[in-house]
Amino acid sequence: MALNAPKRPLRDPFTLHCQELLAALGPVRARAMFGGVGFYVDELFIALIADGRLYLKGGGAHRDAFVQAGCEPFRFKTQDGRELSMAYWTAPEEALESPEAMRPWARRAMEAALVAANAKPASRRERP
């Protein structure tokens, strides 16, 4: 995803559809970022839209499930031309059809986001 890509409107039909799909986890907040959209539940970053595709957070414990479902990792090029990938995976096609079909994938994303958040060291303000 290019950093200078045009911003995707937060109210476009695909963004609204993705918010609806993820709503089984709780209220979903969408935020414009780097030409795409990021999705948060309980202030945890669980998903993003880049290049017209929904990517879900997927940690090591869920990698095999995403691979077996035919999902692809989120890849992007840096300004110096290197290709990097992050622990986000395309949502399975069938999961995009309904909130019920998305529910197990959304739960995986939430679990991965919780694990990642708990693995981060406490900030200076949070330390005793």
C-alpha atoms as a PDB file:
ATOM      1  CA  MET A   1       0.000   0.000   0.000  1.00  0.00           C
ATOM      2  CA  ALA A   2       1.439   3.336  -0.957  1.00  0.00           C
ATOM      3  CA  LEU A   3       1.684   5.937   1.770  1.00  0.00           C
ATOM      4  CA  ASN A   4       0.493   8.620  -0.631  1.00  0.00           C
ATOM      5  CA  ALA A   5      -2.578   6.675  -1.826  1.00  0.00           C
ATOM      6  CA  PRO A   6      -5.847   8.624  -1.910  1.00  0.00           C
ATOM      7  CA  LYS A   7      -7.752   8.454   1.362  1.00  0.00           C
ATOM      8  CA  ARG A   8     -10.625   5.977   1.475  1.00  0.00           C
ATOM      9  CA  PRO A   9     -13.770   7.645   2.794  1.00  0.00           C
ATOM     10  CA  LEU A  10     -14.831   6.297   6.165  1.00  0.00           C
ATOM     11  CA  ARG A  11     -18.436   6.178   5.016  1.00  0.00           C
ATOM     12  CA  ASP A  12     -18.025   4.278   1.747  1.00  0.00           C
ATOM     13  CA  PRO A  13     -20.080   1.081   1.305  1.00  0.00           C
ATOM     14  CA  PHE A  14     -17.186  -1.364   1.785  1.00  0.00           C
ATOM     15  CA  THR A  15     -15.988   0.336   4.985  1.00  0.00           C
ATOM     16  CA  LEU A  16     -19.526   0.353   6.390  1.00  0.00           C
ATOM     17  CA  HIS A  17     -19.976  -3.313   5.434  1.00  0.00           C
ATOM     18  CA  CYS A  18     -16.747  -4.245   7.222  1.00  0.00           C
ATOM     19  CA  GLN A  19     -17.834  -2.335  10.339  1.00  0.00           C
ATOM     20  CA  GLU A  20     -21.085  -4.294  10.309  1.00  0.00           C
ATOM     21  CA  LEU A  21     -19.216  -7.594   9.879  1.00  0.00           C
ATOM     22  CA  LEU A  22     -16.954  -6.864  12.865  1.00  0.00           C
ATOM     23  CA  ALA A  23     -19.707  -5.485  15.133  1.00  0.00           C
ATOM     24  CA  ALA A  24     -20.256  -8.867  16.844  1.00  0.00           C
ATOM     25  CA  LEU A  25     -17.161  -7.978  18.897  1.00  0.00           C
ATOM     26  CA  GLY A  26     -18.628  -4.692  20.130  1.00  0.00           C
ATOM     27  CA  PRO A  27     -18.709  -1.107  18.878  1.00  0.00           C
ATOM     28  CA  VAL A  28     -16.292  -0.705  15.972  1.00  0.00           C
ATOM     29  CA  ARG A  29     -14.434   2.554  15.422  1.00  0.00           C
ATOM     30  CA  ALA A  30     -13.034   3.249  11.948  1.00  0.00           C
ATOM     31  CA  ARG A  31     -10.103   5.606  11.455  1.00  0.00           C
ATOM     32  CA  ALA A  32      -8.509   6.821   8.225  1.00  0.00           C
ATOM     33  CA  MET A  33      -4.842   5.893   8.035  1.00  0.00           C
ATOM     34  CA  PHE A  34      -2.164   5.803   5.316  1.00  0.00           C
ATOM     35  CA  GLY A  35      -4.727   5.859   2.513  1.00  0.00           C
ATOM     36  CA  GLY A  36      -6.742   3.038   4.093  1.00  0.00           C
ATOM     37  CA  VAL A  37      -8.952   2.455   7.105  1.00  0.00           C
ATOM     38  CA  GLY A  38      -8.120   0.953  10.491  1.00  0.00           C
ATOM     39  CA  PHE A  39     -10.722  -0.731  12.699  1.00  0.00           C
ATOM     40  CA  TYR A  40     -10.657  -0.682  16.487  1.00  0.00           C
ATOM     41  CA  VAL A  41     -12.743  -2.522  19.075  1.00  0.00           C
ATOM     42  CA  ASP A  42     -12.151  -1.550  22.716  1.00  0.00           C
ATOM     43  CA  GLU A  43      -9.210   0.547  21.459  1.00  0.00           C
ATOM     44  CA  LEU A  44      -7.546  -2.579  20.050  1.00  0.00           C
ATOM     45  CA  PHE A  45      -6.475  -2.403  16.400  1.00  0.00           C
ATOM     46  CA  ILE A  46      -8.029  -5.561  14.906  1.00  0.00           C
ATOM     47  CA  ALA A  47      -8.345  -4.989  11.158  1.00  0.00           C
ATOM     48  CA  LEU A  48      -7.594  -2.693   8.257  1.00  0.00           C
ATOM     49  CA  ILE A  49      -8.656  -1.982   4.715  1.00  0.00           C
ATOM     50  CA  ALA A  50      -5.826  -1.525   2.235  1.00  0.00           C
ATOM     51  CA  ASP A  51      -6.109  -1.533  -1.538  1.00  0.00           C
ATOM     52  CA  GLY A  52      -9.805  -2.421  -1.282  1.00  0.00           C
ATOM     53  CA  ARG A  53      -9.252  -5.553   0.831  1.00  0.00           C
ATOM     54  CA  LEU A  54     -10.082  -6.314   4.459  1.00  0.00           C
ATOM     55  CA  TYR A  55      -7.162  -7.635   6.510  1.00  0.00           C
ATOM     56  CA  LEU A  56      -7.607  -9.147   9.985  1.00  0.00           C
ATOM     57  CA  LYS A  57      -5.021  -9.240  12.769  1.00  0.00           C
ATOM     58  CA  GLY A  58      -3.663 -12.759  12.965  1.00  0.00           C
ATOM     59  CA  GLY A  59      -0.986 -13.760  15.426  1.00  0.00           C
ATOM     60  CA  GLY A  60       1.142 -16.882  15.396  1.00  0.00           C
ATOM     61  CA  ALA A  61      -1.558 -19.040  16.985  1.00  0.00           C
ATOM     62  CA  HIS A  62      -3.936 -18.286  14.101  1.00  0.00           C
ATOM     63  CA  ARG A  63      -1.513 -18.275  11.181  1.00  0.00           C
ATOM     64  CA  ASP A  64      -2.337 -21.846  10.133  1.00  0.00           C
ATOM     65  CA  ALA A  65      -6.089 -21.150  10.090  1.00  0.00           C
ATOM     66  CA  PHE A  66      -5.564 -18.167   7.784  1.00  0.00           C
ATOM     67  CA  VAL A  67      -3.211 -20.112   5.513  1.00  0.00           C
ATOM     68  CA  GLN A  68      -5.607 -23.090   5.311  1.00  0.00           C
ATOM     69  CA  ALA A  69      -8.462 -20.724   4.401  1.00  0.00           C
ATOM     70  CA  GLY A  70      -6.402 -19.387   1.471  1.00  0.00           C
ATOM     71  CA  CYS A  71      -5.826 -15.958   3.024  1.00  0.00           C
ATOM     72  CA  GLU A  72      -2.869 -13.769   2.086  1.00  0.00           C
ATOM     73  CA  PRO A  73      -0.645 -11.744   4.428  1.00  0.00           C
ATOM     74  CA  PHE A  74      -0.638  -7.962   4.315  1.00  0.00           C
ATOM     75  CA  ARG A  75       2.443  -6.853   2.381  1.00  0.00           C
ATOM     76  CA  PHE A  76       3.677  -3.397   1.575  1.00  0.00           C
ATOM     77  CA  LYS A  77       6.727  -1.713   0.096  1.00  0.00           C
ATOM     78  CA  THR A  78       8.822   0.695   2.094  1.00  0.00           C
ATOM     79  CA  GLN A  79      10.100   3.940   0.630  1.00  0.00           C
ATOM     80  CA  ASP A  80      13.447   2.276  -0.047  1.00  0.00           C
ATOM     81  CA  GLY A  81      11.745  -0.509  -2.036  1.00  0.00           C
ATOM     82  CA  ARG A  82      11.863  -3.342   0.495  1.00  0.00           C
ATOM     83  CA  GLU A  83       8.767  -5.529   0.785  1.00  0.00           C
ATOM     84  CA  LEU A  84       7.576  -6.172   4.326  1.00  0.00           C
ATOM     85  CA  SER A  85       4.671  -8.134   5.721  1.00  0.00           C
ATOM     86  CA  MET A  86       2.708  -7.702   8.914  1.00  0.00           C
ATOM     87  CA  ALA A  87       0.589 -10.075  10.997  1.00  0.00           C
ATOM     88  CA  TYR A  88      -2.616  -9.168   9.145  1.00  0.00           C
ATOM     89  CA  TRP A  89      -4.357 -11.549   6.741  1.00  0.00           C
ATOM     90  CA  THR A  90      -7.042 -11.100   4.119  1.00  0.00           C
ATOM     91  CA  ALA A  91     -10.433 -12.178   5.372  1.00  0.00           C
ATOM     92  CA  PRO A  92     -11.724 -15.408   3.820  1.00  0.00           C
ATOM     93  CA  GLU A  93     -14.155 -14.648   0.980  1.00  0.00           C
ATOM     94  CA  GLU A  94     -17.034 -16.471   2.689  1.00  0.00           C
ATOM     95  CA  ALA A  95     -16.474 -14.444   5.880  1.00  0.00           C
ATOM     96  CA  LEU A  96     -17.264 -11.262   3.941  1.00  0.00           C
ATOM     97  CA  GLU A  97     -20.812 -12.488   3.295  1.00  0.00           C
ATOM     98  CA  SER A  98     -22.335 -12.061   6.754  1.00  0.00           C
ATOM     99  CA  PRO A  99     -21.593 -11.141  10.384  1.00  0.00           C
ATOM    100  CA  GLU A 100     -22.209 -14.775  11.360  1.00  0.00           C
ATOM    101  CA  ALA A 101     -19.625 -16.014   8.856  1.00  0.00           C
ATOM    102  CA  MET A 102     -17.153 -13.344  10.031  1.00  0.00           C
ATOM    103  CA  ARG A 103     -17.621 -14.015  13.762  1.00  0.00           C
ATOM    104  CA  PRO A 104     -14.930 -16.744  14.207  1.00  0.00           C
ATOM    105  CA  TRP A 105     -12.436 -14.751  12.135  1.00  0.00           C
ATOM    106  CA  ALA A 106     -13.203 -11.530  14.019  1.00  0.00           C
ATOM    107  CA  ARG A 107     -12.657 -13.375  17.310  1.00  0.00           C
ATOM    108  CA  ARG A 108      -9.272 -14.579  16.074  1.00  0.00           C
ATOM    109  CA  ALA A 109      -8.374 -10.985  15.201  1.00  0.00           C
ATOM    110  CA  MET A 110      -9.461  -9.758  18.634  1.00  0.00           C
ATOM    111  CA  GLU A 111      -7.485 -12.490  20.376  1.00  0.00           C
ATOM    112  CA  ALA A 112      -4.374 -11.677  18.327  1.00  0.00           C
ATOM    113  CA  ALA A 113      -4.766  -7.975  19.154  1.00  0.00           C
ATOM    114  CA  LEU A 114      -5.099  -8.773  22.882  1.00  0.00           C
ATOM    115  CA  VAL A 115      -1.988 -10.966  22.821  1.00  0.00           C
ATOM    116  CA  ALA A 116      -0.036  -8.252  20.986  1.00  0.00           C
ATOM    117  CA  ALA A 117      -1.228  -5.535  23.385  1.00  0.00           C
ATOM    118  CA  ASN A 118      -0.265  -7.602  26.433  1.00  0.00           C
ATOM    119  CA  ALA A 119       3.179  -8.335  24.977  1.00  0.00           C
ATOM    120  CA  LYS A 120       4.065  -4.640  24.747  1.00  0.00           C
ATOM    121  CA  PRO A 121       6.070  -3.191  27.657  1.00  0.00           C
ATOM    122  CA  ALA A 122       4.247  -0.738  29.878  1.00  0.00           C
ATOM    123  CA  SER A 123       4.804   2.896  28.990  1.00  0.00           C
ATOM    124  CA  ARG A 124       6.517   5.195  31.465  1.00  0.00           C
ATOM    125  CA  ARG A 125       3.165   6.606  32.536  1.00  0.00           C
ATOM    126  CA  GLU A 126       1.795   3.129  33.323  1.00  0.00           C
ATOM    127  CA  ARG A 127       4.796   1.932  35.334  1.00  0.00           C
ATOM    128  CA  PRO A 128       4.583   2.157  39.144  1.00  0.00           C
END
